[in-house]
């Protein structure tokens, strides 16, 4: 600051008899403290000021205005954690092409944009940012490697670094100037088209580490927000019973060769037995398991069926309904979960409530005191609802 500099210069002068020589050092120190405080406040406010300007600079592009609305930029609690320039490259049969992207990391989304700095400017003369990839929720991002070594790339291959546009290497592109770019990778989890692993590149190692720190900070904020707004607590019923050939959400892979693949879980239903035990039935591609709700280790396979898609329990009739390979079957609960009463009669066998491979879906309910099972049967191009009255 100029005033601080002037006072510091005066302080060094030998003004032995001047009364200001006593207070001058105190004034310089006070101005220095105030200056640091102001600089800190300005730095803290810069992201908030920048965030206020983004709604007029961000455009949905091919994703439309819904992409902008999903960012919820006008929310008073919204934060712009970090922004900067990143690079993406794709290999073709002729060469490797690079594109420059403007990246915005909010506390709720990560957004990649193409920036138009020339033709279509905003009314204030600031470049427009067009969303290039669908915004990704921060909680769906898993950070991978941030340690791979840098790679030299010719500046001519980096679109947007220079104002001029070079020809292809076959047409005499100038590749004498080059710079090093540093990769980092992340995975988007989920089942949508955007799911998968991606790699982006930064200008420096320092920038790469800064992106890593900012991602971790954004994810910590997001976790805290989700936990603060959680209404239901999610408790897994089992983490080591059901195994699939690849990871499906929280379902784990088998840990040793002796474990059989069960396929992903497709349905479940809680119920209570006549002797008061609280159980849960879980269906998957390889059958049905039943166990205590409070003890995941108690799960046992009770039905060896294929392609189980639905199950239900009718406690009043002591029946277990299961849709297996599009065939609706009914089993007595006593056959699957023997009661603790040694004098109970032997259970009867199971019944087929439908013909083979014709049921698409079923549901159970009570109407006027009658218990009904309704299933959708498809025959050719026709769909038929079949009602089974269990009260008769």
Protein backbone atom coordinates (compact mmCIF):
# COMPACT_ATOMS: atom_id res chain seq x y z
CA UNK A 1 0.00 0.00 0.00
CA UNK A 2 1.29 3.46 -0.92
CA UNK A 3 0.45 5.11 2.43
CA UNK A 4 2.22 2.38 4.35
CA UNK A 5 5.25 2.75 2.09
CA UNK A 6 5.36 6.54 2.58
CA UNK A 7 5.06 6.26 6.36
CA UNK A 8 7.74 3.56 6.45
CA UNK A 9 10.06 5.91 4.54
CA UNK A 10 9.34 8.76 6.97
CA UNK A 11 10.01 6.40 9.84
CA UNK A 12 13.53 5.81 8.56
CA UNK A 13 14.32 9.55 8.42
CA UNK A 14 16.16 11.01 11.41
CA UNK A 15 13.52 13.37 12.76
CA UNK A 16 14.88 13.50 16.28
CA UNK A 17 12.87 16.46 17.60
CA UNK A 18 9.57 15.77 15.82
CA UNK A 19 6.69 14.57 17.98
CA UNK A 20 5.46 12.12 15.28
CA UNK A 21 8.55 9.94 15.73
CA UNK A 22 6.82 8.33 18.72
CA UNK A 23 3.47 7.49 17.08
CA UNK A 24 4.73 6.84 13.54
CA UNK A 25 5.79 3.17 14.15
CA UNK A 26 2.40 2.46 15.77
CA UNK A 27 0.55 3.98 12.80
CA UNK A 28 2.61 1.91 10.32
CA UNK A 29 1.90 -1.29 12.27
CA UNK A 30 -1.82 -0.50 12.50
CA UNK A 31 -2.08 0.19 8.75
CA UNK A 32 -0.21 -3.05 8.02
CA UNK A 33 -2.62 -5.06 10.18
CA UNK A 34 -5.67 -3.42 8.56
CA UNK A 35 -4.26 -3.99 5.08
CA UNK A 36 -3.76 -7.71 5.72
CA UNK A 37 -7.27 -8.00 7.14
CA UNK A 38 -8.77 -6.28 4.08
CA UNK A 39 -6.78 -8.44 1.65
CA UNK A 40 -7.96 -11.58 3.44
CA UNK A 41 -11.60 -10.45 3.31
CA UNK A 42 -11.31 -9.57 -0.39
CA UNK A 43 -9.82 -12.99 -1.15
CA UNK A 44 -12.63 -14.71 0.73
CA UNK A 45 -15.28 -12.73 -1.13
CA UNK A 46 -13.84 -13.29 -4.62
CA UNK A 47 -15.50 -16.74 -5.10
CA UNK A 48 -18.87 -15.31 -3.95
CA UNK A 49 -18.61 -12.36 -6.33
CA UNK A 50 -17.58 -14.73 -9.12
CA UNK A 51 -20.51 -17.03 -8.32
CA UNK A 52 -22.95 -14.12 -8.68
CA UNK A 53 -21.69 -13.43 -12.21
CA UNK A 54 -21.83 -17.06 -13.44
CA UNK A 55 -25.63 -17.30 -14.04
CA UNK A 56 -25.24 -14.79 -16.90
CA UNK A 57 -22.16 -16.53 -18.34
CA UNK A 58 -23.09 -20.23 -18.15
CA UNK A 59 -25.25 -21.73 -20.91
CA UNK A 60 -26.71 -25.24 -21.12
CA UNK A 61 -25.61 -25.83 -24.72
CA UNK A 62 -26.91 -29.17 -26.00
CA UNK A 63 -28.19 -30.03 -22.51
CA UNK A 64 -30.60 -27.08 -22.41
CA UNK A 65 -31.50 -24.76 -19.57
CA UNK A 66 -32.36 -27.66 -17.26
CA UNK A 67 -28.65 -28.27 -16.87
CA UNK A 68 -28.24 -24.73 -15.52
CA UNK A 69 -31.28 -25.05 -13.23
CA UNK A 70 -29.90 -28.24 -11.71
CA UNK A 71 -26.81 -26.33 -10.53
CA UNK A 72 -29.04 -24.14 -8.33
CA UNK A 73 -26.60 -21.22 -8.62
CA UNK A 74 -28.96 -18.72 -6.98
CA UNK A 75 -29.11 -20.72 -3.77
CA UNK A 76 -27.59 -18.55 -0.99
CA UNK A 77 -25.67 -21.58 0.34
CA UNK A 78 -24.12 -22.38 -3.05
CA UNK A 79 -20.27 -22.22 -3.19
CA UNK A 80 -17.79 -22.06 -6.05
CA UNK A 81 -14.98 -24.20 -4.69
CA UNK A 82 -12.56 -23.90 -7.62
CA UNK A 83 -12.34 -23.05 -11.30
CA UNK A 84 -9.62 -23.32 -13.88
CA UNK A 85 -8.42 -24.54 -17.24
CA UNK A 86 -8.21 -28.27 -17.96
CA UNK A 87 -7.40 -30.26 -21.09
CA UNK A 88 -8.90 -33.38 -22.62
CA UNK A 89 -7.46 -35.38 -25.49
CA UNK A 90 -8.76 -38.05 -27.83
CA UNK A 91 -6.82 -40.36 -30.12
CA UNK A 92 -7.85 -40.70 -33.75
CA UNK A 93 -6.41 -42.71 -36.61
CA UNK A 94 -4.48 -39.66 -37.85
CA UNK A 95 -3.31 -37.86 -34.72
CA UNK A 96 -4.09 -36.91 -31.14
CA UNK A 97 -6.40 -33.94 -30.73
CA UNK A 98 -6.54 -31.81 -27.61
CA UNK A 99 -9.28 -29.47 -26.44
CA UNK A 100 -9.22 -26.83 -23.74
CA UNK A 101 -12.05 -26.80 -21.21
CA UNK A 102 -13.16 -24.38 -18.52
CA UNK A 103 -13.88 -26.35 -15.35
CA UNK A 104 -16.09 -25.23 -12.47
CA UNK A 105 -16.23 -27.16 -9.20
CA UNK A 106 -19.20 -26.21 -7.05
CA UNK A 107 -20.14 -27.69 -3.70
CA UNK A 108 -22.79 -29.79 -5.48
CA UNK A 109 -21.64 -30.30 -9.12
CA UNK A 110 -18.54 -30.56 -11.29
CA UNK A 111 -19.05 -28.82 -14.65
CA UNK A 112 -16.92 -28.86 -17.83
CA UNK A 113 -17.51 -26.12 -20.39
CA UNK A 114 -16.32 -24.95 -23.79
CA UNK A 115 -15.54 -21.24 -23.63
CA UNK A 116 -16.32 -18.89 -26.53
CA UNK A 117 -13.93 -15.96 -26.22
CA UNK A 118 -14.51 -14.38 -29.60
CA UNK A 119 -17.85 -14.32 -31.39
CA UNK A 120 -20.64 -14.65 -28.82
CA UNK A 121 -19.85 -12.49 -25.84
CA UNK A 122 -22.12 -11.44 -23.00
CA UNK A 123 -23.43 -7.87 -22.83
CA UNK A 124 -20.57 -6.97 -20.46
CA UNK A 125 -17.95 -8.31 -22.88
CA UNK A 126 -17.19 -11.45 -20.83
CA UNK A 127 -16.78 -14.83 -22.55
CA UNK A 128 -19.64 -17.32 -22.55
CA UNK A 129 -19.25 -20.85 -21.16
CA UNK A 130 -21.24 -23.62 -22.85
CA UNK A 131 -21.65 -26.85 -20.86
CA UNK A 132 -19.75 -29.58 -22.72
CA UNK A 133 -20.53 -32.58 -20.53
CA UNK A 134 -23.58 -33.20 -18.37
CA UNK A 135 -22.89 -31.77 -14.86
CA UNK A 136 -21.78 -34.51 -12.46
CA UNK A 137 -22.94 -34.58 -8.81
CA UNK A 138 -19.91 -34.34 -6.52
CA UNK A 139 -21.00 -37.37 -4.50
CA UNK A 140 -20.83 -39.57 -7.63
CA UNK A 141 -17.14 -38.79 -8.27
CA UNK A 142 -14.44 -41.17 -7.07
CA UNK A 143 -10.93 -39.74 -7.30
CA UNK A 144 -8.33 -42.06 -8.78
CA UNK A 145 -4.70 -41.31 -9.70
CA UNK A 146 -3.10 -37.89 -9.22
CA UNK A 147 0.51 -39.14 -9.31
CA UNK A 148 1.22 -40.12 -12.92
CA UNK A 149 4.16 -38.36 -14.53
CA UNK A 150 3.70 -35.37 -16.83
CA UNK A 151 3.70 -35.62 -20.61
CA UNK A 152 5.14 -33.28 -23.22
CA UNK A 153 2.66 -32.06 -25.79
CA UNK A 154 3.25 -29.69 -28.67
CA UNK A 155 1.45 -26.38 -28.18
CA UNK A 156 0.07 -26.71 -31.69
CA UNK A 157 -1.88 -29.74 -30.51
CA UNK A 158 -3.40 -27.82 -27.60
CA UNK A 159 -6.42 -26.08 -29.01
CA UNK A 160 -6.94 -22.67 -27.53
CA UNK A 161 -3.50 -22.09 -25.95
CA UNK A 162 -2.52 -19.83 -28.84
CA UNK A 163 -4.77 -17.41 -30.59
CA UNK A 164 -3.67 -18.61 -34.02
CA UNK A 165 -4.74 -21.99 -35.41
CA UNK A 166 -2.04 -24.26 -36.83
CA UNK A 167 -2.57 -26.69 -39.65
CA UNK A 168 -2.39 -30.44 -39.10
CA UNK A 169 1.02 -32.05 -38.82
CA UNK A 170 0.59 -33.28 -42.40
CA UNK A 171 0.20 -29.66 -43.54
CA UNK A 172 3.24 -28.29 -41.78
CA UNK A 173 2.03 -27.59 -38.24
CA UNK A 174 4.61 -25.86 -36.04
CA UNK A 175 5.40 -28.17 -33.13
CA UNK A 176 8.67 -26.63 -32.04
CA UNK A 177 7.15 -25.08 -28.91
CA UNK A 178 5.90 -27.57 -26.31
CA UNK A 179 4.82 -27.76 -22.71
CA UNK A 180 4.19 -30.43 -20.09
CA UNK A 181 0.70 -31.38 -19.02
CA UNK A 182 -0.16 -33.47 -15.95
CA UNK A 183 -2.99 -36.05 -15.87
CA UNK A 184 -5.46 -36.95 -13.15
CA UNK A 185 -8.28 -39.48 -13.41
CA UNK A 186 -11.63 -39.94 -11.73
CA UNK A 187 -14.57 -42.33 -11.98
CA UNK A 188 -18.24 -41.40 -12.21
CA UNK A 189 -20.24 -44.12 -10.48
CA UNK A 190 -23.78 -45.05 -11.43
CA UNK A 191 -25.60 -46.76 -14.28
CA UNK A 192 -26.15 -43.81 -16.63
CA UNK A 193 -24.38 -43.08 -19.90
CA UNK A 194 -21.92 -40.76 -18.12
CA UNK A 195 -20.66 -43.53 -15.80
CA UNK A 196 -17.05 -44.57 -16.35
CA UNK A 197 -13.46 -43.43 -15.90
CA UNK A 198 -12.17 -40.12 -17.26
CA UNK A 199 -8.79 -38.41 -17.49
CA UNK A 200 -8.14 -34.67 -17.57
CA UNK A 201 -4.87 -32.74 -17.77
CA UNK A 202 -3.54 -29.64 -16.01
CA UNK A 203 -0.82 -27.11 -16.85
CA UNK A 204 1.34 -27.85 -13.81
CA UNK A 205 1.90 -30.25 -10.94
CA UNK A 206 0.87 -27.51 -8.51
CA UNK A 207 -2.44 -27.05 -10.36
CA UNK A 208 -3.06 -30.80 -10.32
CA UNK A 209 -2.57 -31.04 -6.56
CA UNK A 210 -4.76 -27.99 -6.06
CA UNK A 211 -7.57 -29.70 -8.00
CA UNK A 212 -7.16 -32.78 -5.82
CA UNK A 213 -7.42 -30.74 -2.62
CA UNK A 214 -10.44 -28.82 -3.92
CA UNK A 215 -12.22 -32.05 -4.95
CA UNK A 216 -11.66 -33.50 -1.50
CA UNK A 217 -12.92 -30.30 0.11
CA UNK A 218 -16.05 -30.23 -2.08
CA UNK A 219 -16.82 -33.87 -1.31
CA UNK A 220 -16.40 -33.27 2.42
CA UNK A 221 -18.87 -30.38 2.23
CA UNK A 222 -21.30 -32.49 0.20
CA UNK A 223 -21.14 -35.40 2.67
CA UNK A 224 -21.81 -33.04 5.57
CA UNK A 225 -24.80 -31.52 3.76
CA UNK A 226 -26.26 -34.93 2.86
CA UNK A 227 -25.82 -36.20 6.42
CA UNK A 228 -27.43 -33.06 7.84
CA UNK A 229 -30.50 -33.56 5.61
CA UNK A 230 -30.77 -37.32 6.02
CA UNK A 231 -34.24 -38.42 7.11
CA UNK A 232 -33.72 -42.18 7.02
CA UNK A 233 -30.65 -44.07 8.16
CA UNK A 234 -29.48 -46.67 5.66
CA UNK A 235 -28.48 -49.95 7.29
CA UNK A 236 -27.21 -52.77 5.01
CA UNK A 237 -28.89 -56.12 5.60
CA UNK A 238 -25.89 -58.00 4.29
CA UNK A 239 -22.47 -57.20 2.85
CA UNK A 240 -20.99 -60.66 2.43
CA UNK A 241 -23.80 -62.98 1.27
CA UNK A 242 -24.62 -61.85 -2.26
CA UNK A 243 -21.90 -61.83 -4.91
CA UNK A 244 -21.84 -60.68 -8.50
CA UNK A 245 -19.28 -60.81 -11.28
CA UNK A 246 -18.78 -57.05 -11.08
CA UNK A 247 -19.65 -54.37 -8.56
CA UNK A 248 -23.29 -53.20 -8.47
CA UNK A 249 -23.56 -50.23 -6.08
CA UNK A 250 -23.03 -51.55 -2.51
CA UNK A 251 -23.09 -55.22 -3.57
CA UNK A 252 -19.63 -56.68 -3.12
CA UNK A 253 -17.67 -59.10 -5.24
CA UNK A 254 -16.83 -62.55 -3.94
CA UNK A 255 -13.67 -62.60 -1.85
CA UNK A 256 -12.55 -66.15 -2.55
CA UNK A 257 -13.00 -68.83 -5.19
CA UNK A 258 -15.31 -70.96 -2.99
CA UNK A 259 -18.08 -68.37 -3.00
CA UNK A 260 -20.75 -68.85 -5.65
CA UNK A 261 -22.05 -65.96 -7.70
CA UNK A 262 -25.64 -65.19 -6.71
CA UNK A 263 -26.36 -62.28 -9.05
CA UNK A 264 -27.59 -58.89 -7.82
CA UNK A 265 -30.41 -58.65 -5.30
CA UNK A 266 -33.75 -58.09 -7.08
CA UNK A 267 -36.34 -57.98 -4.26
CA UNK A 268 -36.84 -58.25 -0.52
CA UNK A 269 -39.70 -58.34 1.99
CA UNK A 270 -39.76 -58.16 5.82
CA UNK A 271 -42.21 -60.35 7.78
CA UNK A 272 -42.93 -61.78 11.21
CA UNK A 273 -43.49 -65.45 12.03
CA UNK A 274 -46.21 -66.79 14.34
CA UNK A 275 -43.65 -67.25 17.11
CA UNK A 276 -42.64 -63.56 16.90
CA UNK A 277 -39.36 -63.73 14.95
CA UNK A 278 -38.66 -60.73 12.70
CA UNK A 279 -37.25 -62.06 9.43
CA UNK A 280 -36.44 -60.81 5.95
CA UNK A 281 -36.63 -62.67 2.64
CA UNK A 282 -34.24 -61.62 -0.13
CA UNK A 283 -34.50 -62.73 -3.75
CA UNK A 284 -31.84 -62.67 -6.46
CA UNK A 285 -30.97 -64.41 -9.72
CA UNK A 286 -30.05 -67.68 -8.00
CA UNK A 287 -32.82 -68.14 -5.42
CA UNK A 288 -34.28 -66.86 -2.14
CA UNK A 289 -32.51 -66.32 1.19
CA UNK A 290 -34.23 -65.85 4.58
CA UNK A 291 -32.70 -64.72 7.86
CA UNK A 292 -33.13 -62.56 10.94
CA UNK A 293 -33.30 -58.82 10.24
CA UNK A 294 -30.97 -58.15 13.16
CA UNK A 295 -28.33 -60.71 12.15
CA UNK A 296 -26.97 -60.69 8.55
CA UNK A 297 -24.99 -63.86 9.29
CA UNK A 298 -28.22 -65.81 9.76
CA UNK A 299 -29.22 -65.54 6.06
CA UNK A 300 -29.69 -69.00 4.52
CA UNK A 301 -30.75 -70.09 1.04
CA UNK A 302 -34.22 -71.63 1.28
CA UNK A 303 -35.33 -71.80 -2.37
CA UNK A 304 -33.20 -72.90 -5.31
CA UNK A 305 -34.96 -70.95 -8.05
CA UNK A 306 -33.80 -69.04 -11.11
CA UNK A 307 -34.46 -65.40 -12.02
CA UNK A 308 -36.39 -64.35 -8.92
CA UNK A 309 -37.83 -60.86 -9.53
CA UNK A 310 -40.58 -60.44 -6.88
CA UNK A 311 -41.60 -61.87 -3.53
CA UNK A 312 -44.31 -61.21 -0.93
CA UNK A 313 -45.48 -62.65 2.38
CA UNK A 314 -49.14 -63.16 3.35
CA UNK A 315 -48.81 -63.65 7.10
CA UNK A 316 -52.54 -64.28 7.66
CA UNK A 317 -52.38 -67.27 5.31
CA UNK A 318 -48.78 -68.23 6.21
CA UNK A 319 -47.88 -68.07 2.50
CA UNK A 320 -44.76 -66.96 0.70
CA UNK A 321 -45.30 -65.81 -2.92
CA UNK A 322 -42.41 -65.65 -5.34
CA UNK A 323 -42.15 -64.77 -9.05
CA UNK A 324 -39.46 -66.96 -10.58
CA UNK A 325 -38.76 -67.10 -14.33
CA UNK A 326 -42.14 -65.34 -14.85
CA UNK A 327 -43.97 -68.13 -13.00
CA UNK A 328 -45.95 -67.25 -9.84
CA UNK A 329 -45.45 -69.79 -7.03
CA UNK A 330 -46.87 -70.04 -3.49
CA UNK A 331 -44.96 -71.77 -0.66
CA UNK A 332 -46.14 -72.41 2.92
CA UNK A 333 -44.01 -70.37 5.31
CA UNK A 334 -43.67 -73.38 7.58
CA UNK A 335 -41.76 -75.18 4.80
CA UNK A 336 -39.26 -72.33 4.50
CA UNK A 337 -39.05 -71.24 8.15
CA UNK A 338 -40.00 -74.11 10.49
CA UNK A 339 -41.72 -72.85 13.64
CA UNK A 340 -40.36 -73.41 17.12
CA UNK A 341 -43.48 -75.47 17.94
CA UNK A 342 -42.50 -79.16 17.62
CA UNK A 343 -46.17 -80.19 17.36
CA UNK A 344 -46.89 -78.12 14.24
CA UNK A 345 -48.35 -80.09 11.30
CA UNK A 346 -46.11 -80.94 8.38
CA UNK A 347 -46.28 -78.27 5.65
CA UNK A 348 -47.84 -79.02 2.30
CA UNK A 349 -46.00 -78.59 -0.97
CA UNK A 350 -45.88 -75.48 -3.09
CA UNK A 351 -48.55 -74.43 -5.61
CA UNK A 352 -48.39 -72.82 -9.03
CA UNK A 353 -50.71 -69.84 -9.24
CA UNK A 354 -50.01 -69.31 -12.94
CA UNK A 355 -48.83 -71.12 -16.02
CA UNK A 356 -45.12 -71.10 -16.86
CA UNK A 357 -43.36 -68.01 -18.13
CA UNK A 358 -46.42 -65.77 -18.47
CA UNK A 359 -46.46 -63.44 -15.43
CA UNK A 360 -44.88 -60.01 -15.79
CA UNK A 361 -45.79 -58.60 -12.37
CA UNK A 362 -47.99 -59.34 -9.34
CA UNK A 363 -49.33 -57.51 -6.30
CA UNK A 364 -51.36 -58.38 -3.17
CA UNK A 365 -54.04 -56.46 -1.31
CA UNK A 366 -57.29 -56.52 0.68
CA UNK A 367 -60.67 -55.40 -0.70
CA UNK A 368 -63.86 -55.64 1.40
CA UNK A 369 -62.27 -58.18 3.71
CA UNK A 370 -61.04 -60.37 0.87
CA UNK A 371 -57.35 -61.02 0.21
CA UNK A 372 -56.56 -60.83 -3.50
CA UNK A 373 -53.50 -61.63 -5.57
CA UNK A 374 -53.49 -59.83 -8.93
CA UNK A 375 -50.96 -60.59 -11.63
CA UNK A 376 -50.36 -59.30 -15.14
CA UNK A 377 -50.32 -62.01 -17.75
CA UNK A 378 -49.05 -61.35 -21.26
CA UNK A 379 -50.28 -63.51 -24.12
CA UNK A 380 -49.24 -62.49 -27.60
CA UNK A 381 -50.05 -58.80 -27.98
CA UNK A 382 -52.67 -58.90 -25.22
CA UNK A 383 -52.20 -58.07 -21.52
CA UNK A 384 -54.62 -59.77 -19.10
CA UNK A 385 -55.12 -59.09 -15.38
CA UNK A 386 -55.82 -62.26 -13.41
CA UNK A 387 -57.33 -62.04 -9.92
CA UNK A 388 -56.92 -64.87 -7.40
CA UNK A 389 -59.14 -64.68 -4.30
CA UNK A 390 -57.32 -66.40 -1.44
CA UNK A 391 -60.24 -65.90 0.95
CA UNK A 392 -62.26 -68.63 -0.76
